[in-house]
């Protein structure tokens, strides 16, 4: 449809120009008009890129503001896809937390074209449910609330008769997609798939329809899943430690004041109207991006995306500026749970787009890399504690460096904290081998090459360029920036940010968890229709693209053979099969042994 509109506009524009010209000038006018049209089309498909980008990323911006990140890689006929929205839990209303996460769940329920047998008959019931949830939300009397929820349950049961279950999954399965999923975090909500390279058209049709007019059906049954997720988080000691840490690090920022799943009070009083409002506010093209990494021609793919997505109008998007004042004291909190005792320490720095991100990349590896970090050698290796690790969380507004530690038997958490802080002091004092910095950069180079060989890893590497506003050159040339960081730089950064008077420590002691759970309301089980198929889904299933032609290995041409001799062992030879790696510097060697069947168990013990 959009393609036809564009062609019609170009035709009308051309006709007007020609009609206004004398016959003598007609040839010149047609030539100028053709050139103008070609230039206009070329401008639509202009893209940004970064010199020497190993991802070969193209960043397109559609006329409605939607971003498209294309990273071609032809090692296998697959494509990893993301549709990302700058709509994480940070943007949830303070009085209705959990909306972004709710919405993520509901985007799998269909539209007015799929997920339903008869939307016209279904819609009145859905409208009643939406209004009843508003009444339920505003009612305080428990007995009245039970009556209202009984109404919701009854009408939801009737509405479910019109629903067709799992039609989105039917379509992705039909096109051979794998890993279909979604996730919501502080800054973003992202919908992911891995599709065969010949299914681009079907996938784009599915996603364009998915975001055209989503219908939030089967809502109260989906609440059960969210309630269960919340209750699991309340029973998870580590989860509660993270929530406590962030609450104290960010007391005036949504990173700390609200969680992705939402508060119990808000979960018990959901609002479909607020969820729809959230969708209309944030799920707009100028706040969304498509990321595709894999086997495709970007010149062809961007035109396919344009046809499906350029017709959605843009809207102004709220852009709140959340500020979290720096901490000026050590803060200690104690929580209780059934697991063994442990603690977490955390500091905050500037966000993902800042240079702080590079420093944290180095510092976390200096502290912990499973082999030669300060915690590895000085703490774990010397068995000062049971185990200690370090990591960091890169977010748009702020980053968090955090260290986990588990005490030995009869060791206090206070003693563990002191041991960990001693290693932070070593960072500040430069008590680490400078060779470690070079080793970390070398290891990051290896990780980059491995990332480039994996479509999913490519996509996740590019994601912060959109959702966290990290400049693309900072992502693709991270190794060059890491090389510039010196030992003095690390010391100065640690002295500035990792002080003794600006961190939070959470002690998790063994005891009874007193946190209340979400009480699930009585819900009548619905019998979902899994047999029927809507017309839209039938159309997708019937669209059969050109099959992918398999590429078979030619053992005579593709694999080289050689024989290795062992001068020290007479008559000992080993056959070597090898293939040069023309893509990067990575090297892999695998040994295969032929063993007597009776000796398998013995050799397995030896190898282990």
Protein backbone atom coordinates (compact mmCIF):
# COMPACT_ATOMS: atom_id res chain seq x y z
CA UNK A 1 0.00 0.00 0.00
CA UNK A 2 2.74 2.43 0.98
CA UNK A 3 4.65 1.61 -2.19
CA UNK A 4 1.58 2.44 -4.29
CA UNK A 5 1.11 5.76 -2.47
CA UNK A 6 4.71 6.75 -3.16
CA UNK A 7 4.43 5.81 -6.84
CA UNK A 8 1.15 7.72 -7.14
CA UNK A 9 2.71 10.83 -5.60
CA UNK A 10 5.70 10.64 -7.95
CA UNK A 11 3.36 10.14 -10.94
CA UNK A 12 1.21 13.14 -9.95
CA UNK A 13 4.26 15.32 -9.39
CA UNK A 14 5.68 14.32 -12.81
CA UNK A 15 2.37 14.90 -14.59
CA UNK A 16 2.04 18.39 -13.15
CA UNK A 17 5.53 19.35 -14.28
CA UNK A 18 5.00 18.01 -17.80
CA UNK A 19 1.60 19.66 -18.15
CA UNK A 20 3.11 23.07 -17.39
CA UNK A 21 5.80 22.83 -20.10
CA UNK A 22 5.63 23.72 -23.83
CA UNK A 23 6.17 20.84 -26.23
CA UNK A 24 9.61 22.13 -27.21
CA UNK A 25 10.85 21.77 -23.63
CA UNK A 26 9.24 18.39 -22.98
CA UNK A 27 12.39 16.28 -23.46
CA UNK A 28 14.47 18.49 -21.15
CA UNK A 29 11.71 18.52 -18.54
CA UNK A 30 11.39 14.74 -18.57
CA UNK A 31 15.15 14.38 -18.12
CA UNK A 32 15.23 16.81 -15.18
CA UNK A 33 12.18 15.16 -13.64
CA UNK A 34 13.71 11.70 -13.92
CA UNK A 35 16.88 12.93 -12.27
CA UNK A 36 14.88 14.56 -9.47
CA UNK A 37 12.93 11.36 -8.84
CA UNK A 38 16.10 9.27 -8.79
CA UNK A 39 17.67 11.67 -6.31
CA UNK A 40 14.57 11.63 -4.08
CA UNK A 41 14.59 7.83 -3.99
CA UNK A 42 18.34 7.78 -3.30
CA UNK A 43 17.85 10.18 -0.37
CA UNK A 44 15.27 7.87 1.18
CA UNK A 45 17.78 5.02 1.25
CA UNK A 46 20.85 6.96 2.36
CA UNK A 47 22.61 5.44 5.35
CA UNK A 48 25.25 6.25 7.94
CA UNK A 49 28.27 4.06 8.60
CA UNK A 50 31.57 4.08 10.45
CA UNK A 51 34.91 3.73 8.61
CA UNK A 52 36.63 0.37 9.07
CA UNK A 53 33.62 -1.09 10.87
CA UNK A 54 34.17 -4.88 11.12
CA UNK A 55 30.38 -5.31 11.49
CA UNK A 56 29.83 -3.49 8.14
CA UNK A 57 26.85 -1.80 9.76
CA UNK A 58 24.50 0.45 7.83
CA UNK A 59 22.22 2.74 9.82
CA UNK A 60 19.15 3.89 7.90
CA UNK A 61 16.56 6.37 9.11
CA UNK A 62 13.11 6.01 7.54
CA UNK A 63 11.12 9.21 6.84
CA UNK A 64 9.05 8.56 9.99
CA UNK A 65 12.18 8.35 12.15
CA UNK A 66 12.43 4.57 12.53
CA UNK A 67 16.05 3.39 12.72
CA UNK A 68 17.26 0.33 10.83
CA UNK A 69 20.61 -1.33 11.63
CA UNK A 70 21.76 -3.82 8.98
CA UNK A 71 24.90 -5.95 9.48
CA UNK A 72 25.35 -8.50 6.67
CA UNK A 73 27.25 -11.72 7.40
CA UNK A 74 27.04 -14.62 4.96
CA UNK A 75 28.57 -17.57 6.83
CA UNK A 76 25.23 -19.39 7.07
CA UNK A 77 21.74 -18.77 5.60
CA UNK A 78 20.26 -17.33 8.80
CA UNK A 79 19.39 -13.89 10.15
CA UNK A 80 19.08 -12.77 13.76
CA UNK A 81 16.43 -10.09 14.13
CA UNK A 82 15.55 -7.58 16.82
CA UNK A 83 12.79 -5.02 17.07
CA UNK A 84 13.86 -2.67 19.86
CA UNK A 85 11.84 0.04 21.58
CA UNK A 86 13.18 2.67 23.94
CA UNK A 87 10.47 1.67 26.39
CA UNK A 88 11.93 -0.05 29.41
CA UNK A 89 10.64 -0.02 32.96
CA UNK A 90 12.40 3.31 33.55
CA UNK A 91 9.54 4.91 31.63
CA UNK A 92 6.73 3.22 33.58
CA UNK A 93 4.44 5.70 35.35
CA UNK A 94 5.38 5.91 39.03
CA UNK A 95 1.82 4.95 40.00
CA UNK A 96 1.57 2.03 37.56
CA UNK A 97 4.89 0.20 37.49
CA UNK A 98 5.31 -2.96 35.44
CA UNK A 99 3.56 -1.60 32.32
CA UNK A 100 6.50 -2.12 29.95
CA UNK A 101 6.79 -5.74 31.06
CA UNK A 102 3.03 -6.34 30.85
CA UNK A 103 3.01 -4.89 27.35
CA UNK A 104 5.84 -7.17 26.24
CA UNK A 105 3.68 -10.17 27.21
CA UNK A 106 0.62 -8.80 25.41
CA UNK A 107 2.44 -8.23 22.11
CA UNK A 108 2.25 -12.00 21.57
CA UNK A 109 -1.58 -12.09 21.74
CA UNK A 110 -2.39 -10.94 18.23
CA UNK A 111 -4.22 -8.10 16.48
CA UNK A 112 -7.65 -7.59 14.98
CA UNK A 113 -6.49 -9.80 12.09
CA UNK A 114 -4.96 -12.76 13.91
CA UNK A 115 -5.46 -14.35 17.30
CA UNK A 116 -9.23 -14.11 16.84
CA UNK A 117 -12.02 -15.98 15.10
CA UNK A 118 -14.31 -12.94 15.00
CA UNK A 119 -12.91 -9.64 16.20
CA UNK A 120 -16.14 -7.72 15.69
CA UNK A 121 -17.92 -10.09 18.09
CA UNK A 122 -14.94 -10.25 20.46
CA UNK A 123 -14.32 -6.49 20.80
CA UNK A 124 -17.37 -5.55 22.93
CA UNK A 125 -16.33 -8.08 25.57
CA UNK A 126 -12.74 -6.80 25.52
CA UNK A 127 -14.01 -3.25 26.01
CA UNK A 128 -16.09 -4.37 29.01
CA UNK A 129 -13.05 -6.10 30.52
CA UNK A 130 -10.94 -2.97 30.06
CA UNK A 131 -13.53 -0.78 31.80
CA UNK A 132 -14.07 -3.28 34.61
CA UNK A 133 -10.33 -3.34 35.36
CA UNK A 134 -10.47 0.46 35.81
CA UNK A 135 -13.35 0.09 38.25
CA UNK A 136 -11.51 -2.71 40.03
CA UNK A 137 -8.39 -0.58 40.27
CA UNK A 138 -10.21 2.31 41.91
CA UNK A 139 -12.24 0.19 44.33
CA UNK A 140 -10.80 -0.27 47.84
CA UNK A 141 -13.42 -2.45 49.54
CA UNK A 142 -12.30 -6.10 49.40
CA UNK A 143 -15.76 -7.57 49.03
CA UNK A 144 -16.59 -5.19 46.17
CA UNK A 145 -13.28 -5.98 44.50
CA UNK A 146 -14.07 -9.69 44.61
CA UNK A 147 -17.44 -9.06 42.95
CA UNK A 148 -15.85 -6.95 40.22
CA UNK A 149 -13.15 -9.52 39.58
CA UNK A 150 -15.80 -12.21 39.32
CA UNK A 151 -17.37 -10.11 36.55
CA UNK A 152 -13.99 -9.73 34.85
CA UNK A 153 -13.46 -13.47 35.07
CA UNK A 154 -16.92 -14.28 33.69
CA UNK A 155 -16.67 -11.90 30.74
CA UNK A 156 -13.08 -12.97 30.06
CA UNK A 157 -14.28 -16.55 29.83
CA UNK A 158 -16.82 -15.54 27.17
CA UNK A 159 -14.24 -13.42 25.29
CA UNK A 160 -11.80 -16.32 25.27
CA UNK A 161 -14.22 -18.29 23.10
CA UNK A 162 -13.32 -15.94 20.23
CA UNK A 163 -9.56 -16.16 20.74
CA UNK A 164 -7.19 -18.42 18.83
CA UNK A 165 -4.20 -19.32 20.96
CA UNK A 166 -0.55 -18.87 20.04
CA UNK A 167 -1.05 -17.65 16.49
CA UNK A 168 2.12 -15.57 16.58
CA UNK A 169 4.07 -18.69 17.52
CA UNK A 170 2.29 -20.63 14.76
CA UNK A 171 3.59 -18.17 12.20
CA UNK A 172 7.17 -18.04 13.47
CA UNK A 173 7.25 -21.83 13.63
CA UNK A 174 5.88 -22.06 10.09
CA UNK A 175 8.65 -19.86 8.70
CA UNK A 176 11.32 -21.83 10.55
CA UNK A 177 12.14 -19.18 13.16
CA UNK A 178 14.03 -20.18 16.29
CA UNK A 179 14.60 -18.52 19.66
CA UNK A 180 11.39 -16.48 19.45
CA UNK A 181 11.34 -14.38 22.59
CA UNK A 182 11.31 -10.90 24.13
CA UNK A 183 12.74 -9.16 27.16
CA UNK A 184 12.20 -5.95 29.10
CA UNK A 185 14.90 -4.17 31.08
CA UNK A 186 15.37 -0.71 32.57
CA UNK A 187 15.96 1.06 29.25
CA UNK A 188 14.41 -1.10 26.55
CA UNK A 189 11.98 -3.74 25.39
CA UNK A 190 13.28 -6.01 22.63
CA UNK A 191 11.56 -8.67 20.50
CA UNK A 192 13.86 -11.29 18.95
CA UNK A 193 13.85 -14.09 16.39
CA UNK A 194 16.31 -16.05 14.30
CA UNK A 195 14.91 -16.68 10.83
CA UNK A 196 16.04 -18.53 7.69
CA UNK A 197 17.52 -16.14 5.12
CA UNK A 198 14.72 -16.84 2.62
CA UNK A 199 11.94 -15.83 5.06
CA UNK A 200 12.59 -12.07 5.24
CA UNK A 201 9.32 -11.13 3.52
CA UNK A 202 7.18 -13.33 5.75
CA UNK A 203 8.94 -12.16 8.91
CA UNK A 204 8.51 -8.50 7.97
CA UNK A 205 4.82 -9.07 7.21
CA UNK A 206 4.36 -10.77 10.59
CA UNK A 207 6.09 -8.00 12.53
CA UNK A 208 4.45 -5.14 10.62
CA UNK A 209 1.06 -6.62 11.46
CA UNK A 210 2.07 -7.34 15.05
CA UNK A 211 2.78 -3.66 15.74
CA UNK A 212 -0.02 -2.24 13.56
CA UNK A 213 -2.94 -2.70 15.93
CA UNK A 214 -2.22 -5.10 18.82
CA UNK A 215 -5.23 -6.41 20.73
CA UNK A 216 -4.74 -7.14 24.42
CA UNK A 217 -6.85 -10.27 24.70
CA UNK A 218 -6.58 -13.03 27.34
CA UNK A 219 -5.24 -10.36 29.69
CA UNK A 220 -6.36 -11.73 33.05
CA UNK A 221 -4.91 -15.18 32.31
CA UNK A 222 -1.60 -13.55 31.38
CA UNK A 223 -1.67 -11.86 34.77
CA UNK A 224 -1.18 -15.30 36.29
CA UNK A 225 2.16 -15.62 34.49
CA UNK A 226 3.29 -12.17 35.64
CA UNK A 227 2.17 -12.82 39.24
CA UNK A 228 4.12 -16.08 39.24
CA UNK A 229 7.18 -14.27 37.88
CA UNK A 230 6.89 -11.68 40.66
CA UNK A 231 6.52 -14.31 43.38
CA UNK A 232 9.57 -16.18 42.06
CA UNK A 233 11.58 -12.97 42.27
CA UNK A 234 10.46 -12.48 45.88
CA UNK A 235 11.73 -15.98 46.70
CA UNK A 236 15.05 -15.41 44.94
CA UNK A 237 17.73 -14.16 47.37
CA UNK A 238 20.05 -12.85 44.63
CA UNK A 239 17.17 -10.99 42.95
CA UNK A 240 16.27 -9.32 46.22
CA UNK A 241 19.90 -8.35 46.77
CA UNK A 242 20.01 -6.64 43.37
CA UNK A 243 16.75 -4.80 44.02
CA UNK A 244 18.01 -3.60 47.40
CA UNK A 245 21.35 -2.53 45.89
CA UNK A 246 19.68 -0.50 43.15
CA UNK A 247 17.14 1.00 45.53
CA UNK A 248 20.00 2.42 47.63
CA UNK A 249 22.26 3.41 44.71
CA UNK A 250 19.44 5.23 42.90
CA UNK A 251 17.02 6.55 45.56
CA UNK A 252 15.74 9.34 43.26
CA UNK A 253 15.89 7.52 39.93
CA UNK A 254 13.58 4.89 38.38
CA UNK A 255 16.52 2.46 38.31
CA UNK A 256 16.04 2.29 42.07
CA UNK A 257 12.50 3.47 42.75
CA UNK A 258 10.74 0.95 40.50
CA UNK A 259 11.43 -2.53 39.21
CA UNK A 260 10.78 -4.04 35.80
CA UNK A 261 8.14 -6.47 37.08
CA UNK A 262 6.46 -3.76 39.18
CA UNK A 263 5.31 -3.42 42.76
CA UNK A 264 2.81 -5.80 44.35
CA UNK A 265 0.28 -2.99 44.77
CA UNK A 266 0.44 -2.05 41.09
CA UNK A 267 0.37 -5.68 39.92
CA UNK A 268 -2.79 -6.23 41.96
CA UNK A 269 -4.39 -3.23 40.24
CA UNK A 270 -3.53 -3.47 36.56
CA UNK A 271 -4.87 -1.04 33.99
CA UNK A 272 -5.44 -1.96 30.36
CA UNK A 273 -6.06 1.71 29.61
CA UNK A 274 -2.65 2.64 31.00
CA UNK A 275 -1.00 -0.16 29.02
CA UNK A 276 -2.65 1.07 25.83
CA UNK A 277 -1.61 4.62 26.65
CA UNK A 278 1.95 3.40 27.18
CA UNK A 279 1.88 1.62 23.80
CA UNK A 280 0.55 4.70 22.00
CA UNK A 281 3.19 6.88 23.67
CA UNK A 282 6.35 4.82 23.20
CA UNK A 283 5.69 2.27 20.45
CA UNK A 284 6.01 4.85 17.70
CA UNK A 285 8.45 4.54 14.76
CA UNK A 286 10.75 7.36 15.88
CA UNK A 287 11.25 5.41 19.13
CA UNK A 288 11.80 2.00 17.50
CA UNK A 289 14.57 0.23 15.61
CA UNK A 290 14.94 -2.89 13.50
CA UNK A 291 18.27 -4.70 13.84
CA UNK A 292 19.15 -7.50 11.41
CA UNK A 293 22.41 -9.43 11.31
CA UNK A 294 23.04 -12.24 8.86
CA UNK A 295 22.74 -13.46 5.30
CA UNK A 296 21.03 -10.75 3.24
CA UNK A 297 21.62 -7.94 0.76
CA UNK A 298 21.10 -4.64 2.65
CA UNK A 299 20.15 -2.76 -0.53
CA UNK A 300 17.25 -5.15 -1.04
CA UNK A 301 16.23 -5.53 2.61
CA UNK A 302 15.92 -1.81 3.37
CA UNK A 303 13.38 -1.44 0.54
CA UNK A 304 11.34 -4.33 1.95
CA UNK A 305 11.41 -2.70 5.40
CA UNK A 306 10.45 0.66 3.93
CA UNK A 307 7.35 -0.78 2.27
CA UNK A 308 6.11 -2.37 5.54
CA UNK A 309 7.06 0.23 8.16
CA UNK A 310 7.37 3.68 6.58
CA UNK A 311 3.62 4.29 6.66
CA UNK A 312 3.35 4.38 10.46
CA UNK A 313 3.23 8.04 11.59
CA UNK A 314 5.76 9.40 14.06
CA UNK A 315 4.85 11.18 17.31
CA UNK A 316 6.71 13.27 19.88
CA UNK A 317 8.10 10.97 22.58
CA UNK A 318 8.60 12.08 26.20
CA UNK A 319 12.27 12.21 27.11
CA UNK A 320 12.52 12.68 30.88
CA UNK A 321 15.92 13.62 32.27
CA UNK A 322 16.38 11.43 35.35
CA UNK A 323 19.21 12.49 37.67
CA UNK A 324 20.68 10.48 40.54
CA UNK A 325 22.81 12.52 42.98
CA UNK A 326 26.20 11.02 43.89
CA UNK A 327 26.46 9.05 47.13
CA UNK A 328 28.52 10.62 49.89
CA UNK A 329 28.60 7.77 52.41
CA UNK A 330 28.84 4.01 52.75
CA UNK A 331 25.34 2.53 52.95
CA UNK A 332 24.71 -0.89 54.48
CA UNK A 333 21.47 -2.85 54.25
CA UNK A 334 20.64 -6.32 55.55
CA UNK A 335 18.05 -8.65 54.08
CA UNK A 336 17.10 -12.24 54.91
CA UNK A 337 16.46 -15.34 52.83
CA UNK A 338 16.76 -19.12 52.93
CA UNK A 339 20.06 -19.47 51.05
CA UNK A 340 23.56 -19.32 52.52
CA UNK A 341 24.93 -15.92 53.51
CA UNK A 342 26.42 -13.64 50.84
CA UNK A 343 26.96 -9.98 50.10
CA UNK A 344 27.01 -7.57 47.17
CA UNK A 345 28.86 -4.25 46.93
CA UNK A 346 28.03 -1.65 44.29
CA UNK A 347 29.25 1.70 42.94
CA UNK A 348 27.66 3.82 40.20
CA UNK A 349 29.35 5.75 37.39
CA UNK A 350 28.23 7.66 34.31
CA UNK A 351 26.18 5.82 31.68
CA UNK A 352 26.83 3.47 28.78
CA UNK A 353 27.69 6.18 26.25
CA UNK A 354 30.38 7.69 28.48
CA UNK A 355 34.05 6.74 28.62
CA UNK A 356 33.32 5.23 32.05
CA UNK A 357 31.99 2.20 30.19
CA UNK A 358 35.47 1.51 28.82
CA UNK A 359 37.06 1.83 32.26
CA UNK A 360 34.54 -0.59 33.77
CA UNK A 361 35.27 -3.07 30.97
CA UNK A 362 38.91 -3.04 32.04
CA UNK A 363 38.33 -2.87 35.80
CA UNK A 364 35.91 -5.80 36.00
CA UNK A 365 38.48 -7.94 34.18
CA UNK A 366 41.29 -6.66 36.39
CA UNK A 367 39.25 -7.74 39.38
CA UNK A 368 37.82 -10.98 38.06
CA UNK A 369 38.42 -12.97 34.88
CA UNK A 370 38.39 -16.53 36.35
CA UNK A 371 42.20 -16.77 36.05
CA UNK A 372 44.46 -13.81 36.82
CA UNK A 373 42.30 -11.02 38.28
CA UNK A 374 42.91 -9.56 41.73
CA UNK A 375 39.97 -11.48 43.17
CA UNK A 376 41.04 -14.65 41.34
CA UNK A 377 44.61 -14.60 42.65
CA UNK A 378 44.48 -12.76 45.99
CA UNK A 379 41.04 -13.82 47.27
CA UNK A 380 39.72 -16.97 45.60
CA UNK A 381 43.14 -18.46 44.96
CA UNK A 382 44.22 -17.94 48.57
CA UNK A 383 40.82 -19.13 49.84
CA UNK A 384 40.23 -15.96 51.82
CA UNK A 385 36.51 -16.33 51.03
CA UNK A 386 34.45 -19.12 49.50
CA UNK A 387 34.13 -17.22 46.21
CA UNK A 388 34.15 -13.65 44.92
CA UNK A 389 33.26 -12.23 41.47
CA UNK A 390 32.96 -8.85 39.76
CA UNK A 391 30.76 -7.58 36.94
CA UNK A 392 29.07 -4.41 35.73
CA UNK A 393 25.73 -3.34 34.34
CA UNK A 394 25.80 -0.80 31.49
CA UNK A 395 22.61 1.30 31.43
CA UNK A 396 21.72 4.46 29.54
CA UNK A 397 21.80 6.90 32.45
CA UNK A 398 24.29 5.22 34.79
CA UNK A 399 26.53 2.16 35.02
CA UNK A 400 26.89 -0.05 38.08
CA UNK A 401 29.98 -1.95 39.16
CA UNK A 402 29.09 -4.73 41.57
CA UNK A 403 31.01 -7.44 43.40
CA UNK A 404 29.48 -10.63 44.80
CA UNK A 405 31.14 -12.61 47.61
CA UNK A 406 30.31 -15.71 49.63
CA UNK A 407 31.88 -16.28 53.07
CA UNK A 408 33.63 -19.41 54.23
CA UNK A 409 32.18 -21.36 57.10
CA UNK A 410 32.17 -19.29 60.34
CA UNK A 411 33.32 -16.18 58.44
CA UNK A 412 31.36 -12.96 58.99
CA UNK A 413 30.07 -10.79 56.16
CA UNK A 414 31.88 -7.84 57.71
CA UNK A 415 35.16 -9.71 57.32
CA UNK A 416 34.32 -10.58 53.68
CA UNK A 417 33.53 -6.93 52.91
CA UNK A 418 36.89 -5.85 54.33
CA UNK A 419 38.72 -8.38 52.16
CA UNK A 420 36.94 -7.18 49.01
CA UNK A 421 37.59 -3.50 49.77
CA UNK A 422 41.30 -4.29 50.13
CA UNK A 423 41.34 -5.39 46.47
CA UNK A 424 39.62 -2.14 45.43
CA UNK A 425 42.38 -0.26 47.27
CA UNK A 426 44.94 -2.16 45.21
CA UNK A 427 43.30 -0.82 42.06
CA UNK A 428 43.56 2.72 43.39
CA UNK A 429 47.18 2.22 44.44
CA UNK A 430 48.24 0.58 41.19
CA UNK A 431 49.07 -2.73 42.87
CA UNK A 432 48.52 -4.82 39.76
CA UNK A 433 50.71 -5.96 36.88
CA UNK A 434 50.51 -3.64 33.88
CA UNK A 435 50.77 -6.70 31.63
CA UNK A 436 47.22 -7.54 32.76
CA UNK A 437 45.94 -4.52 30.80
CA UNK A 438 47.53 -5.84 27.60
CA UNK A 439 46.19 -9.33 28.27
CA UNK A 440 42.67 -7.97 28.78
CA UNK A 441 42.79 -6.08 25.48
CA UNK A 442 44.05 -9.21 23.71
CA UNK A 443 41.21 -11.22 25.20
CA UNK A 444 38.68 -8.55 24.17
CA UNK A 445 40.03 -8.76 20.62
CA UNK A 446 39.40 -12.51 20.69
CA UNK A 447 35.87 -11.91 21.99
CA UNK A 448 35.23 -9.39 19.20
CA UNK A 449 36.26 -11.91 16.54
CA UNK A 450 33.97 -14.49 18.12
CA UNK A 451 31.16 -11.93 18.19
CA UNK A 452 31.61 -11.22 14.49
CA UNK A 453 31.14 -14.93 13.76
CA UNK A 454 27.74 -15.04 15.50
CA UNK A 455 24.65 -13.19 14.27
CA UNK A 456 23.02 -13.06 17.70
CA UNK A 457 26.17 -11.68 19.31
CA UNK A 458 26.41 -9.07 16.55
CA UNK A 459 22.84 -7.92 17.19
CA UNK A 460 23.32 -7.64 20.96
CA UNK A 461 26.55 -5.72 20.41
CA UNK A 462 24.74 -3.20 18.17
CA UNK A 463 21.65 -2.87 20.39
CA UNK A 464 23.12 -0.20 22.76
CA UNK A 465 23.76 2.06 19.76
CA UNK A 466 20.00 2.57 19.65
CA UNK A 467 18.56 1.95 23.10
CA UNK A 468 21.40 3.56 25.08
CA UNK A 469 22.64 6.12 22.53
CA UNK A 470 26.15 4.66 22.48
CA UNK A 471 27.95 6.02 19.38
CA UNK A 472 28.46 3.24 16.84
CA UNK A 473 32.17 3.99 16.50
CA UNK A 474 32.54 3.45 20.27
CA UNK A 475 31.08 -0.05 19.86
CA UNK A 476 32.84 -1.23 16.73
CA UNK A 477 36.21 0.32 17.60
CA UNK A 478 36.14 -0.47 21.31
CA UNK A 479 39.46 -2.33 21.11
CA UNK A 480 41.28 0.78 19.87
CA UNK A 481 39.84 2.81 22.75
CA UNK A 482 40.73 0.16 25.34
CA UNK A 483 44.34 0.16 24.12
CA UNK A 484 44.63 3.84 25.05
CA UNK A 485 43.79 3.26 28.72
CA UNK A 486 46.88 3.24 30.95
CA UNK A 487 47.59 2.03 34.45
CA UNK A 488 47.48 5.63 35.68
CA UNK A 489 44.08 6.07 34.04
CA UNK A 490 42.74 3.06 35.95
CA UNK A 491 44.17 4.33 39.22
CA UNK A 492 42.68 7.79 38.70
CA UNK A 493 39.26 6.36 37.76
CA UNK A 494 39.20 4.06 40.80
CA UNK A 495 40.24 6.91 43.10
CA UNK A 496 37.44 9.09 41.71
CA UNK A 497 34.56 6.59 41.57
CA UNK A 498 35.40 3.60 43.81
CA UNK A 499 35.78 5.36 47.12
CA UNK A 500 35.11 4.10 50.63
CA UNK A 501 32.36 6.70 51.10
CA UNK A 502 30.18 6.21 48.03
CA UNK A 503 29.18 2.56 47.81
CA UNK A 504 26.32 0.35 48.93
CA UNK A 505 26.80 -3.05 50.55
CA UNK A 506 23.92 -5.48 51.01
CA UNK A 507 24.30 -8.31 53.51
CA UNK A 508 22.10 -11.30 52.80
CA UNK A 509 21.80 -13.34 55.98
CA UNK A 510 20.12 -16.69 56.43
CA UNK A 511 16.65 -16.29 57.83
CA UNK A 512 12.98 -16.15 57.02
CA UNK A 513 11.94 -13.98 54.09
CA UNK A 514 9.12 -11.76 55.38
CA UNK A 515 8.19 -10.30 51.96
CA UNK A 516 4.47 -10.62 51.13
CA UNK A 517 3.50 -12.45 47.95
CA UNK A 518 1.06 -11.52 45.21
CA UNK A 519 -2.22 -13.28 45.92
CA UNK A 520 -3.64 -14.70 42.73
CA UNK A 521 -7.36 -14.06 42.25
CA UNK A 522 -9.69 -16.91 41.41
CA UNK A 523 -9.57 -17.40 37.66
CA UNK A 524 -11.77 -19.79 35.73
CA UNK A 525 -9.58 -21.90 33.43
CA UNK A 526 -10.27 -21.12 29.79
CA UNK A 527 -10.30 -23.70 27.02
CA UNK A 528 -8.25 -22.06 24.29
CA UNK A 529 -8.87 -22.83 20.63
CA UNK A 530 -5.63 -24.19 19.21
CA UNK A 531 -7.16 -25.78 16.10
CA UNK A 532 -8.55 -22.84 14.13
CA UNK A 533 -6.33 -20.63 12.01
CA UNK A 534 -7.08 -17.03 11.06
CA UNK A 535 -6.95 -15.87 7.45
CA UNK A 536 -3.82 -13.78 8.08
CA UNK A 537 -1.92 -16.75 9.51
CA UNK A 538 -3.08 -18.97 6.63
CA UNK A 539 -1.69 -16.41 4.21
CA UNK A 540 1.69 -16.37 5.95
CA UNK A 541 1.84 -20.18 6.02
CA UNK A 542 0.93 -20.38 2.32
CA UNK A 543 3.69 -17.93 1.30
CA UNK A 544 6.43 -20.32 0.25
CA UNK A 545 9.71 -18.60 -0.59
CA UNK A 546 12.39 -19.98 -2.89
CA UNK A 547 14.07 -22.84 -0.99
CA UNK A 548 17.61 -22.32 0.26
CA UNK A 549 20.09 -24.33 -1.81
CA UNK A 550 22.37 -26.30 0.51
CA UNK A 551 26.12 -25.97 0.08
CA UNK A 552 27.79 -29.33 0.52
CA UNK A 553 31.38 -29.84 1.56
CA UNK A 554 33.62 -31.22 -1.16
CA UNK A 555 36.04 -33.35 0.83
CA UNK A 556 38.54 -33.40 -2.05
CA UNK A 557 38.62 -29.62 -2.55
CA UNK A 558 37.48 -28.04 0.71
CA UNK A 559 39.56 -30.10 3.16
CA UNK A 560 43.30 -30.56 2.96
CA UNK A 561 45.04 -33.69 4.20
CA UNK A 562 48.51 -34.21 5.61
CA UNK A 563 50.42 -36.79 7.66
CA UNK A 564 52.41 -35.84 10.73
CA UNK A 565 55.50 -37.87 11.66
CA UNK A 566 56.90 -38.35 15.17
CA UNK A 567 60.71 -38.78 14.87
CA UNK A 568 60.98 -39.80 18.52
CA UNK A 569 58.39 -42.56 18.10
CA UNK A 570 59.14 -45.00 15.25
CA UNK A 571 56.21 -45.90 12.97
CA UNK A 572 53.92 -43.33 14.69
CA UNK A 573 51.94 -41.07 12.31
CA UNK A 574 48.89 -38.90 12.74
CA UNK A 575 46.56 -37.84 9.96
CA UNK A 576 45.88 -34.09 9.90
CA UNK A 577 42.75 -32.65 8.28
CA UNK A 578 42.79 -28.87 8.03
CA UNK A 579 41.16 -25.87 6.40
CA UNK A 580 42.68 -22.36 6.39
CA UNK A 581 40.65 -19.66 8.18
CA UNK A 582 40.33 -16.83 5.67
CA UNK A 583 37.94 -14.78 7.82
CA UNK A 584 40.00 -13.85 10.90
CA UNK A 585 42.94 -14.83 13.11
CA UNK A 586 41.13 -17.45 15.18
CA UNK A 587 42.60 -20.96 15.36
CA UNK A 588 40.96 -24.15 16.54
CA UNK A 589 42.48 -27.59 16.98
CA UNK A 590 40.58 -30.78 17.82
CA UNK A 591 42.07 -34.20 18.61
CA UNK A 592 40.24 -37.42 17.73
CA UNK A 593 41.36 -40.70 19.29
CA UNK A 594 40.45 -44.21 18.19
CA UNK A 595 40.11 -46.31 21.34
CA UNK A 596 39.26 -49.96 22.00
CA UNK A 597 35.67 -50.31 23.06
CA UNK A 598 36.62 -52.10 26.27
CA UNK A 599 38.87 -49.20 27.33
CA UNK A 600 36.33 -46.40 26.88
CA UNK A 601 35.45 -46.04 30.58
CA UNK A 602 39.09 -46.08 31.64
CA UNK A 603 40.10 -43.46 29.07
CA UNK A 604 37.11 -41.29 29.95
CA UNK A 605 38.35 -41.12 33.54
CA UNK A 606 41.86 -40.26 32.31
CA UNK A 607 40.62 -37.47 30.02
CA UNK A 608 38.42 -35.99 32.74
